[in-house]
Amino acid sequence: MNLGDHIQQARKKAQLSQEKLGDMVGVTRQTISNWELNITTPDANQLLALSKALQVSMDALMENDIQHLIEQKVNVVETQVSKNNTLLLCILIALMVLFILMFIMNA
């Protein structure tokens, strides 16, 4: 289960509508819906407000989702490193070609 599933499950267990939970947390019903559908995620303050409103721990809400979030961040970093490495390789090749051309022109 992901964060959205945990939020929805806890909300239903507490017998709260999305609108009522939104009022308790200080967000709109649409925001609660987006969280439950995993379109967006609550920030740390909103997560704390959710845990209080739903009377569950933040750990219970985040169960299994922390590992998923870490994996997502690692993938983003790996992708960025790969892009940077490709860019550096292109620059290195361009510099080598430029150096060779300068060497040929001076010979």
Protein backbone atom coordinates (compact mmCIF):
# COMPACT_ATOMS: atom_id res chain seq x y z
CA MET A 1 0.00 0.00 0.00
CA ASN A 2 1.16 3.51 -0.72
CA LEU A 3 0.59 6.78 1.13
CA GLY A 4 -2.64 7.58 -0.72
CA ASP A 5 -4.09 4.18 0.13
CA HIS A 6 -3.16 4.62 3.80
CA ILE A 7 -4.77 8.07 3.91
CA GLN A 8 -7.97 6.80 2.31
CA GLN A 9 -8.13 3.73 4.54
CA ALA A 10 -7.58 5.76 7.72
CA ARG A 11 -10.12 8.39 6.60
CA LYS A 12 -12.79 5.76 5.97
CA LYS A 13 -12.00 4.02 9.25
CA ALA A 14 -12.47 7.37 11.02
CA GLN A 15 -15.75 7.78 9.07
CA LEU A 16 -14.71 11.15 7.67
CA SER A 17 -15.58 12.58 4.29
CA GLN A 18 -12.82 14.07 2.18
CA GLU A 19 -14.35 17.48 2.81
CA LYS A 20 -14.44 17.03 6.60
CA LEU A 21 -10.84 15.77 6.67
CA GLY A 22 -9.80 18.65 4.45
CA ASP A 23 -11.38 21.12 6.88
CA MET A 24 -9.55 19.47 9.78
CA VAL A 25 -6.20 19.58 7.97
CA GLY A 26 -6.70 23.00 6.37
CA VAL A 27 -6.87 21.92 2.73
CA THR A 28 -9.61 21.43 0.15
CA ARG A 29 -11.53 18.25 -0.58
CA GLN A 30 -9.74 18.15 -3.95
CA THR A 31 -6.37 18.13 -2.19
CA ILE A 32 -7.43 15.15 -0.08
CA SER A 33 -8.62 13.41 -3.25
CA ASN A 34 -5.30 14.12 -4.99
CA TRP A 35 -3.40 12.68 -2.03
CA GLU A 36 -5.56 9.56 -1.99
CA LEU A 37 -5.07 9.11 -5.74
CA ASN A 38 -1.30 9.68 -5.38
CA ILE A 39 -1.43 12.63 -7.76
CA THR A 40 0.23 14.84 -5.16
CA THR A 41 1.67 14.20 -1.71
CA PRO A 42 1.26 16.13 1.53
CA ASP A 43 4.22 18.09 2.85
CA ALA A 44 5.61 17.39 6.33
CA ASN A 45 3.26 19.83 8.10
CA GLN A 46 0.23 18.47 6.26
CA LEU A 47 1.30 14.91 7.04
CA LEU A 48 1.50 15.80 10.73
CA ALA A 49 -1.96 17.41 10.58
CA LEU A 50 -3.30 14.30 8.83
CA SER A 51 -1.90 11.96 11.45
CA LYS A 52 -3.50 14.04 14.21
CA ALA A 53 -6.86 14.33 12.43
CA LEU A 54 -6.95 10.62 11.62
CA GLN A 55 -5.49 9.62 15.01
CA VAL A 56 -2.79 7.47 13.44
CA SER A 57 0.98 7.78 13.58
CA MET A 58 2.92 9.29 10.72
CA ASP A 59 4.75 5.96 10.49
CA ALA A 60 1.45 4.18 9.92
CA LEU A 61 0.56 6.60 7.12
CA MET A 62 3.99 6.32 5.51
CA GLU A 63 4.34 2.54 5.90
CA ASN A 64 6.04 1.05 2.82
CA ASP A 65 5.93 4.43 1.12
CA ILE A 66 9.24 5.66 2.54
CA GLN A 67 11.15 2.97 0.65
CA HIS A 68 9.26 3.88 -2.52
CA LEU A 69 10.07 7.58 -2.09
CA ILE A 70 13.75 6.78 -1.49
CA GLU A 71 13.84 4.63 -4.62
CA GLN A 72 12.25 7.46 -6.63
CA LYS A 73 14.83 9.96 -5.38
CA VAL A 74 17.69 7.54 -6.14
CA ASN A 75 16.35 7.06 -9.67
CA VAL A 76 16.16 10.83 -10.19
CA VAL A 77 19.74 11.25 -8.97
CA GLU A 78 20.99 8.38 -11.13
CA THR A 79 19.29 9.87 -14.18
CA GLN A 80 20.82 13.29 -13.49
CA VAL A 81 24.28 11.77 -13.01
CA SER A 82 23.90 9.89 -16.28
CA LYS A 83 22.91 13.09 -18.10
CA ASN A 84 25.85 14.94 -16.56
CA ASN A 85 28.25 12.17 -17.56
CA THR A 86 26.94 12.26 -21.13
CA LEU A 87 27.37 16.03 -21.25
CA LEU A 88 30.91 15.81 -19.89
CA LEU A 89 31.78 13.15 -22.46
CA CYS A 90 30.47 15.34 -25.28
CA ILE A 91 32.48 18.30 -24.02
CA LEU A 92 35.61 16.15 -23.75
CA ILE A 93 35.19 14.86 -27.30
CA ALA A 94 34.61 18.39 -28.61
CA LEU A 95 37.76 19.61 -26.85
CA MET A 96 39.77 16.71 -28.27
CA VAL A 97 38.54 17.47 -31.79
CA LEU A 98 39.35 21.15 -31.29
CA PHE A 99 42.83 20.29 -30.01
CA ILE A 100 43.47 17.99 -32.98
CA LEU A 101 42.30 20.67 -35.44
CA MET A 102 44.51 23.28 -33.80
CA PHE A 103 47.46 20.88 -33.93
CA ILE A 104 46.85 20.17 -37.65
CA MET A 105 46.49 23.89 -38.47
CA ASN A 106 49.78 24.72 -36.73
CA ALA A 107 51.71 21.90 -38.39
